[in-house]
Amino acid sequence: MRRYIGTLLLCGVLISPILMSGCAARVYDYDGHDYHRWDHHEIVYYQRWEVDTHRRHMDYDRRSQAEQKQYWQWRDSHYGDKHHDH
């Protein structure tokens, strides 16, 4: 029983930094020369871009570099500096 408790505690220690980070990735906008936090807010903007530009849904990281560039241009023209990480 003690062996299992030690293993569970070790797993908790190893996983806690991941849980505390909020799981928000940072994505670099090459044209804007800045980072964007890829979190729930950015996903909402991204989904709106897909609808506004009549694109089928696709994960951001699967899109071509040209489409990613088009997204950031749209994003900056519609929502400015909101949710940027400098």
Protein backbone atom coordinates (compact mmCIF):
# COMPACT_ATOMS: atom_id res chain seq x y z
CA MET A 1 0.00 0.00 0.00
CA ARG A 2 2.82 2.43 0.82
CA ARG A 3 4.36 1.81 -2.57
CA TYR A 4 1.16 2.95 -4.30
CA ILE A 5 0.86 6.10 -2.21
CA GLY A 6 4.44 7.05 -3.07
CA THR A 7 3.77 6.46 -6.76
CA LEU A 8 0.59 8.56 -6.64
CA LEU A 9 2.40 11.40 -4.88
CA LEU A 10 5.21 11.32 -7.44
CA CYS A 11 2.68 11.43 -10.30
CA GLY A 12 0.95 14.39 -8.67
CA VAL A 13 4.23 16.27 -8.36
CA LEU A 14 5.12 15.60 -11.99
CA ILE A 15 1.70 16.57 -13.36
CA SER A 16 1.08 19.69 -11.24
CA PRO A 17 3.17 22.12 -13.39
CA ILE A 18 1.14 21.12 -16.43
CA LEU A 19 -2.15 21.70 -14.63
CA MET A 20 -1.02 25.01 -13.17
CA SER A 21 0.16 26.41 -16.51
CA GLY A 22 -3.41 26.68 -17.80
CA CYS A 23 -2.47 24.76 -20.95
CA ALA A 24 -2.39 27.96 -23.03
CA ALA A 25 0.17 27.79 -25.82
CA ARG A 26 1.83 30.80 -27.36
CA VAL A 27 1.76 31.28 -31.11
CA TYR A 28 4.12 33.65 -32.90
CA ASP A 29 2.72 36.08 -35.49
CA TYR A 30 5.59 36.63 -37.92
CA ASP A 31 4.08 39.70 -39.57
CA GLY A 32 3.09 41.33 -36.30
CA HIS A 33 6.36 40.29 -34.65
CA ASP A 34 4.54 39.34 -31.47
CA TYR A 35 3.11 36.41 -29.58
CA HIS A 36 -0.52 35.52 -29.06
CA ARG A 37 -1.74 33.37 -26.23
CA TRP A 38 -3.62 30.48 -27.85
CA ASP A 39 -6.35 30.04 -25.27
CA HIS A 40 -10.14 29.97 -25.25
CA HIS A 41 -10.33 33.63 -26.30
CA GLU A 42 -8.07 33.13 -29.31
CA ILE A 43 -9.99 30.01 -30.34
CA VAL A 44 -13.20 32.08 -30.40
CA TYR A 45 -11.52 34.64 -32.71
CA TYR A 46 -10.14 31.85 -34.88
CA GLN A 47 -13.54 30.19 -35.25
CA ARG A 48 -15.09 33.54 -36.12
CA TRP A 49 -12.41 34.00 -38.82
CA GLU A 50 -13.30 30.59 -40.26
CA VAL A 51 -16.97 31.57 -40.45
CA ASP A 52 -16.34 35.10 -41.75
CA THR A 53 -14.01 33.85 -44.49
CA HIS A 54 -16.18 30.82 -45.35
CA ARG A 55 -13.53 28.24 -44.51
CA ARG A 56 -14.15 24.75 -43.25
CA HIS A 57 -12.92 24.10 -39.73
CA MET A 58 -9.31 22.97 -39.40
CA ASP A 59 -6.87 23.14 -36.51
CA TYR A 60 -4.70 26.24 -36.76
CA ASP A 61 -1.44 24.28 -36.82
CA ARG A 62 -2.64 22.22 -39.79
CA ARG A 63 -3.23 25.30 -41.95
CA SER A 64 -0.66 26.48 -44.45
CA GLN A 65 1.65 29.31 -43.48
CA ALA A 66 -0.20 31.54 -45.98
CA GLU A 67 -3.54 30.86 -44.26
CA GLN A 68 -2.02 31.43 -40.82
CA LYS A 69 -0.74 34.77 -42.08
CA GLN A 70 -4.21 35.62 -43.40
CA TYR A 71 -5.68 34.76 -40.02
CA TRP A 72 -3.33 37.12 -38.13
CA GLN A 73 -3.98 39.91 -40.62
CA TRP A 74 -7.73 39.47 -40.12
CA ARG A 75 -7.29 39.19 -36.36
CA ASP A 76 -5.21 42.36 -36.07
CA SER A 77 -7.53 44.34 -38.34
CA HIS A 78 -10.63 43.30 -36.39
CA TYR A 79 -9.46 43.08 -32.79
CA GLY A 80 -6.14 44.93 -32.52
CA ASP A 81 -3.91 44.21 -29.56
CA LYS A 82 -6.37 42.31 -27.42
CA HIS A 83 -4.86 39.22 -25.79
CA HIS A 84 -1.34 39.75 -27.17
CA ASP A 85 1.71 38.75 -25.17
CA HIS A 86 4.61 41.13 -25.81
